[in-house]
Amino acid sequence: MRAAVIGHVEWVEFARVEAFPAPGEIVHATEAWAEAAGGGAVAAVQLANLGCETSFFTALGDDELGRRSLAELEEKGVRVHAATVPVPQRRAFTHVDAAGERTITVIGDKLAPNGAEGELPWEELRGCDCVYFTGGGVEALRKGRWARVLVATARELPTLRRGTVELDALVGSATDEGEHYQIGELEPPPRLVVATSSHLGGWAQPGGPFEAAAKPGPVEDTYGAGDCFAAGLTFALGRGDEPRDALALAARCGATVVTGRGPFGRQLRGEEVG
């Protein structure tokens, strides 16, 4: 399969703490690390780990962190097509508490392609089985529609409204206000609307409720769970799964990643997929 992601990268510093700091409090990290992450990057690596030939259309800052992000993602098996912009790479700081819950502070504007970058090989999208859109301009979204299957995050609703393309699936969260979608907000309407709800599973329209997947180990870090879920759904719809089966695979991707450190410590892989 050939897959692509259109979206963003964040250089993320992680710190594991016993509990999130209260106002005015100082806490000590028991572990710290940094890596290229963010919704687009996490989804691209998940698609590559599922066995797809994966391209990532993005924009990166013209600095050392931008260059490190490019190198790290390519080392993880993703073909990165990046426009370089003359600003610092977007960063984020993430606390992970003893229960594995994450809290994120983002620094800088989201960097994503607008679709008009002549140096990016947009024509590749015509040969893709599936595309996941996490951010970018309206023209980038419309080029994503060249693929057989197009999935997008509800966090980009303003762009999706202007794009007026039919989505095969829209993925949001029932617990995150930034990802709420009301039926009728997009025209044409998505063929499938999914609202996730962590360990409770979620709701699909059409289809109704679906269950969360069993976790293959204890929860270590919830960062990237939603991104891996969306990537798994994109993969499954791209290979022709029915929506109910696609949701089950997506739930497995989300359940697997939370058992590893960060978004790449433990992702579901192609050899584990039935």
Protein backbone atom coordinates (compact mmCIF):
# COMPACT_ATOMS: atom_id res chain seq x y z
CA MET A 1 0.00 0.00 0.00
CA ARG A 2 0.99 3.62 -0.58
CA ALA A 3 -0.01 6.15 2.07
CA ALA A 4 0.65 9.81 2.75
CA VAL A 5 0.21 12.27 5.58
CA ILE A 6 -0.22 16.01 5.08
CA GLY A 7 0.52 17.91 8.24
CA HIS A 8 2.86 19.14 10.91
CA VAL A 9 5.86 18.25 13.06
CA GLU A 10 6.71 19.41 16.55
CA TRP A 11 10.05 18.93 18.27
CA VAL A 12 8.84 17.63 21.63
CA GLU A 13 10.65 17.53 24.96
CA PHE A 14 9.16 14.94 27.30
CA ALA A 15 9.48 14.82 31.08
CA ARG A 16 8.09 12.02 33.22
CA VAL A 17 6.91 13.25 36.63
CA GLU A 18 5.02 11.72 39.54
CA ALA A 19 2.28 14.34 39.21
CA PHE A 20 1.66 17.49 37.20
CA PRO A 21 2.96 20.60 39.00
CA ALA A 22 0.45 22.73 40.87
CA PRO A 23 0.68 26.54 40.52
CA GLY A 24 3.96 27.70 41.99
CA GLU A 25 5.25 24.17 42.55
CA ILE A 26 8.57 22.70 41.41
CA VAL A 27 8.58 19.04 40.35
CA HIS A 28 11.51 16.81 39.44
CA ALA A 29 11.51 14.63 36.34
CA THR A 30 12.40 10.97 36.73
CA GLU A 31 13.11 10.68 32.99
CA ALA A 32 13.45 13.10 30.09
CA TRP A 33 13.96 12.82 26.34
CA ALA A 34 13.25 14.73 23.11
CA GLU A 35 12.23 13.69 19.59
CA ALA A 36 10.36 14.76 16.48
CA ALA A 37 6.65 14.18 17.08
CA GLY A 38 3.35 16.02 16.65
CA GLY A 39 0.19 14.65 15.03
CA GLY A 40 1.44 14.45 11.45
CA ALA A 41 4.78 12.87 12.32
CA VAL A 42 3.26 10.29 14.67
CA ALA A 43 0.66 9.24 12.13
CA ALA A 44 3.25 8.96 9.34
CA VAL A 45 5.47 6.66 11.40
CA GLN A 46 2.46 4.53 12.39
CA LEU A 47 1.49 4.09 8.73
CA ALA A 48 5.07 3.12 7.89
CA ASN A 49 5.10 0.60 10.75
CA LEU A 50 1.88 -0.92 9.42
CA GLY A 51 3.76 -1.68 6.22
CA CYS A 52 2.81 1.24 3.98
CA GLU A 53 5.18 3.05 1.68
CA THR A 54 4.59 6.36 3.44
CA SER A 55 5.22 9.92 2.28
CA PHE A 56 4.92 12.88 4.64
CA PHE A 57 4.16 16.31 3.18
CA THR A 58 5.08 18.94 5.74
CA ALA A 59 6.93 22.18 6.46
CA LEU A 60 9.97 22.46 8.71
CA GLY A 61 11.74 25.37 10.33
CA ASP A 62 15.06 26.53 8.93
CA ASP A 63 17.07 25.63 12.02
CA GLU A 64 18.83 22.73 13.71
CA LEU A 65 15.62 21.30 15.19
CA GLY A 66 13.98 21.31 11.78
CA ARG A 67 16.92 19.42 10.32
CA ARG A 68 16.96 16.96 13.22
CA SER A 69 13.24 16.36 12.77
CA LEU A 70 13.77 15.52 9.09
CA ALA A 71 16.60 13.10 9.86
CA GLU A 72 14.74 11.32 12.65
CA LEU A 73 11.59 10.74 10.63
CA GLU A 74 13.54 9.42 7.66
CA GLU A 75 15.37 7.03 9.99
CA LYS A 76 11.94 5.72 11.05
CA GLY A 77 11.08 4.77 7.47
CA VAL A 78 9.10 7.83 6.34
CA ARG A 79 9.81 9.64 3.06
CA VAL A 80 9.68 13.29 4.10
CA HIS A 81 8.76 15.96 1.55
CA ALA A 82 9.31 19.21 3.44
CA ALA A 83 9.13 22.85 2.49
CA THR A 84 11.64 24.86 4.51
CA VAL A 85 10.28 28.04 6.06
CA PRO A 86 12.46 30.85 7.52
CA VAL A 87 11.22 30.52 11.11
CA PRO A 88 12.23 28.34 14.08
CA GLN A 89 10.88 24.81 14.20
CA ARG A 90 7.69 24.50 16.26
CA ARG A 91 8.36 22.94 19.66
CA ALA A 92 6.36 21.46 22.50
CA PHE A 93 6.89 20.43 26.11
CA THR A 94 5.04 17.41 27.46
CA HIS A 95 4.65 16.27 31.06
CA VAL A 96 3.78 12.59 31.50
CA ASP A 97 2.51 11.69 34.97
CA ALA A 98 2.70 8.41 36.89
CA ALA A 99 -0.59 7.24 35.35
CA GLY A 100 0.72 7.90 31.83
CA GLU A 101 -1.48 10.93 31.19
CA ARG A 102 0.15 13.68 29.13
CA THR A 103 -0.19 17.47 29.27
CA ILE A 104 1.24 19.46 26.36
CA THR A 105 2.48 23.04 25.99
CA VAL A 106 3.04 24.08 22.36
CA ILE A 107 5.58 26.79 21.44
CA GLY A 108 5.26 28.49 18.08
CA ASP A 109 2.82 28.40 15.17
CA LYS A 110 1.92 25.17 13.41
CA LEU A 111 4.08 24.64 10.32
CA ALA A 112 2.32 22.77 7.53
CA PRO A 113 2.30 22.91 3.72
CA ASN A 114 -0.17 25.16 1.93
CA GLY A 115 -0.35 23.00 -1.20
CA ALA A 116 1.27 25.51 -3.54
CA GLU A 117 4.88 24.52 -2.85
CA GLY A 118 6.34 23.79 -6.25
CA GLU A 119 9.27 21.86 -4.79
CA LEU A 120 7.02 19.19 -3.25
CA PRO A 121 5.99 16.17 -5.39
CA TRP A 122 2.24 16.60 -4.95
CA GLU A 123 1.49 14.40 -7.97
CA GLU A 124 2.49 11.39 -5.85
CA LEU A 125 -0.83 11.71 -4.06
CA ARG A 126 -2.68 10.53 -7.16
CA GLY A 127 -1.14 7.09 -6.66
CA CYS A 128 -1.85 6.83 -2.94
CA ASP A 129 -4.33 4.39 -1.47
CA CYS A 130 -4.94 6.68 1.51
CA VAL A 131 -4.07 10.12 2.89
CA TYR A 132 -4.42 11.48 6.42
CA PHE A 133 -4.70 15.27 6.74
CA THR A 134 -3.58 16.81 10.05
CA GLY A 135 -2.94 20.36 8.87
CA GLY A 136 -2.14 22.59 5.93
CA GLY A 137 -3.76 24.93 3.47
CA VAL A 138 -6.95 24.46 1.50
CA GLU A 139 -5.00 23.60 -1.65
CA ALA A 140 -3.07 20.89 0.23
CA LEU A 141 -6.35 19.42 1.47
CA ARG A 142 -7.81 19.36 -2.03
CA LYS A 143 -4.72 17.64 -3.37
CA GLY A 144 -5.12 15.07 -0.61
CA ARG A 145 -8.47 14.23 -2.19
CA TRP A 146 -6.57 12.89 -5.20
CA ALA A 147 -5.97 9.72 -3.17
CA ARG A 148 -8.55 6.95 -3.10
CA VAL A 149 -9.26 7.50 0.62
CA LEU A 150 -8.97 10.80 2.51
CA VAL A 151 -9.21 11.00 6.31
CA ALA A 152 -8.85 14.22 8.31
CA THR A 153 -8.71 15.40 11.91
CA ALA A 154 -11.58 17.47 13.28
CA ARG A 155 -8.98 19.82 14.78
CA GLU A 156 -8.71 21.38 11.29
CA LEU A 157 -12.41 22.18 10.85
CA PRO A 158 -11.86 25.77 9.58
CA THR A 159 -9.72 24.48 6.70
CA LEU A 160 -12.10 21.59 6.05
CA ARG A 161 -15.05 23.99 5.76
CA ARG A 162 -13.23 26.07 3.16
CA GLY A 163 -11.99 23.01 1.29
CA THR A 164 -15.46 21.63 0.44
CA VAL A 165 -14.13 18.15 -0.33
CA GLU A 166 -15.81 14.91 0.68
CA LEU A 167 -13.93 13.08 3.42
CA ASP A 168 -14.05 9.33 3.72
CA ALA A 169 -13.67 9.80 7.47
CA LEU A 170 -13.42 12.64 9.98
CA VAL A 171 -11.77 11.77 13.30
CA GLY A 172 -12.39 13.82 16.42
CA SER A 173 -12.57 13.44 20.18
CA ALA A 174 -15.60 13.36 22.46
CA THR A 175 -13.45 14.67 25.32
CA ASP A 176 -11.38 17.40 23.59
CA GLU A 177 -13.28 20.62 22.81
CA GLY A 178 -10.80 21.38 20.04
CA GLU A 179 -11.96 18.29 18.16
CA HIS A 180 -15.74 18.48 18.50
CA TYR A 181 -17.76 18.17 15.31
CA GLN A 182 -21.48 18.79 14.91
CA ILE A 183 -23.34 17.00 12.14
CA GLY A 184 -23.93 19.50 9.35
CA GLU A 185 -20.75 21.55 9.90
CA LEU A 186 -19.15 20.28 6.70
CA GLU A 187 -20.52 20.26 3.19
CA PRO A 188 -20.37 17.76 1.65
CA PRO A 189 -20.67 15.70 4.85
CA PRO A 190 -18.01 13.10 5.69
CA ARG A 191 -18.93 9.54 4.82
CA LEU A 192 -17.89 8.46 8.33
CA VAL A 193 -17.60 10.57 11.50
CA VAL A 194 -15.68 9.14 14.46
CA ALA A 195 -15.54 10.56 17.99
CA THR A 196 -13.08 8.77 20.27
CA SER A 197 -13.42 8.56 24.04
CA SER A 198 -10.18 7.01 25.34
CA HIS A 199 -10.69 3.73 27.24
CA LEU A 200 -14.47 3.96 26.69
CA GLY A 201 -14.08 3.40 22.96
CA GLY A 202 -16.09 5.88 20.95
CA TRP A 203 -18.96 6.58 18.60
CA ALA A 204 -19.21 6.36 14.82
CA GLN A 205 -21.83 7.89 12.57
CA PRO A 206 -23.01 5.73 10.93
CA GLY A 207 -22.35 2.68 13.08
CA GLY A 208 -22.95 3.75 16.66
CA PRO A 209 -20.71 2.87 19.62
CA PHE A 210 -17.49 0.91 19.30
CA GLU A 211 -15.31 -0.62 21.99
CA ALA A 212 -11.75 0.22 22.95
CA ALA A 213 -9.18 -2.50 22.26
CA ALA A 214 -7.45 -4.42 25.01
CA LYS A 215 -4.04 -2.98 25.81
CA PRO A 216 -1.09 -5.37 25.29
CA GLY A 217 0.57 -4.13 28.49
CA PRO A 218 0.42 -1.49 31.21
CA VAL A 219 -0.08 2.16 30.25
CA GLU A 220 3.22 4.02 30.02
CA ASP A 221 2.42 7.18 28.06
CA THR A 222 -0.79 8.31 26.34
CA TYR A 223 0.97 10.75 23.99
CA GLY A 224 0.11 9.84 20.38
CA ALA A 225 -2.86 7.58 21.08
CA GLY A 226 -5.29 9.61 18.99
CA ASP A 227 -2.79 10.07 16.16
CA CYS A 228 -2.08 6.35 15.96
CA PHE A 229 -5.83 5.61 16.06
CA ALA A 230 -6.38 7.94 13.09
CA ALA A 231 -3.45 6.43 11.19
CA GLY A 232 -4.81 2.93 11.78
CA LEU A 233 -8.25 3.98 10.55
CA THR A 234 -6.69 5.56 7.44
CA PHE A 235 -4.71 2.39 6.75
CA ALA A 236 -7.68 0.07 7.17
CA LEU A 237 -10.04 2.13 5.02
CA GLY A 238 -7.29 2.42 2.43
CA ARG A 239 -6.96 -1.34 2.13
CA GLY A 240 -10.74 -1.70 1.79
CA ASP A 241 -11.88 -2.73 5.27
CA GLU A 242 -15.49 -2.15 6.24
CA PRO A 243 -15.89 0.71 8.75
CA ARG A 244 -16.52 -1.58 11.74
CA ASP A 245 -13.35 -3.59 11.01
CA ALA A 246 -11.39 -0.38 10.34
CA LEU A 247 -12.42 1.01 13.74
CA ALA A 248 -11.31 -2.20 15.44
CA LEU A 249 -7.84 -1.94 13.89
CA ALA A 250 -7.65 1.77 14.71
CA ALA A 251 -8.50 0.99 18.33
CA ARG A 252 -5.68 -1.57 18.43
CA CYS A 253 -3.23 1.07 17.20
CA GLY A 254 -4.34 3.48 19.90
CA ALA A 255 -4.20 0.81 22.60
CA THR A 256 -0.74 -0.36 21.59
CA VAL A 257 1.07 2.98 21.51
CA VAL A 258 0.14 3.85 25.11
CA THR A 259 2.16 0.87 26.34
CA GLY A 260 5.48 2.36 25.20
CA ARG A 261 7.54 5.44 25.98
CA GLY A 262 6.52 8.38 23.82
CA PRO A 263 4.74 7.96 20.48
CA PHE A 264 7.29 5.60 18.94
CA GLY A 265 8.29 3.29 21.77
CA ARG A 266 5.59 0.75 20.91
CA GLN A 267 3.45 1.05 17.78
CA LEU A 268 1.37 -1.68 16.20
CA ARG A 269 3.28 -3.21 13.29
CA GLY A 270 2.22 -4.83 10.06
CA GLU A 271 3.17 -8.32 11.16
CA GLU A 272 0.74 -8.02 14.08
CA VAL A 273 -2.21 -7.09 11.86
CA GLY A 274 -4.59 -9.79 10.74
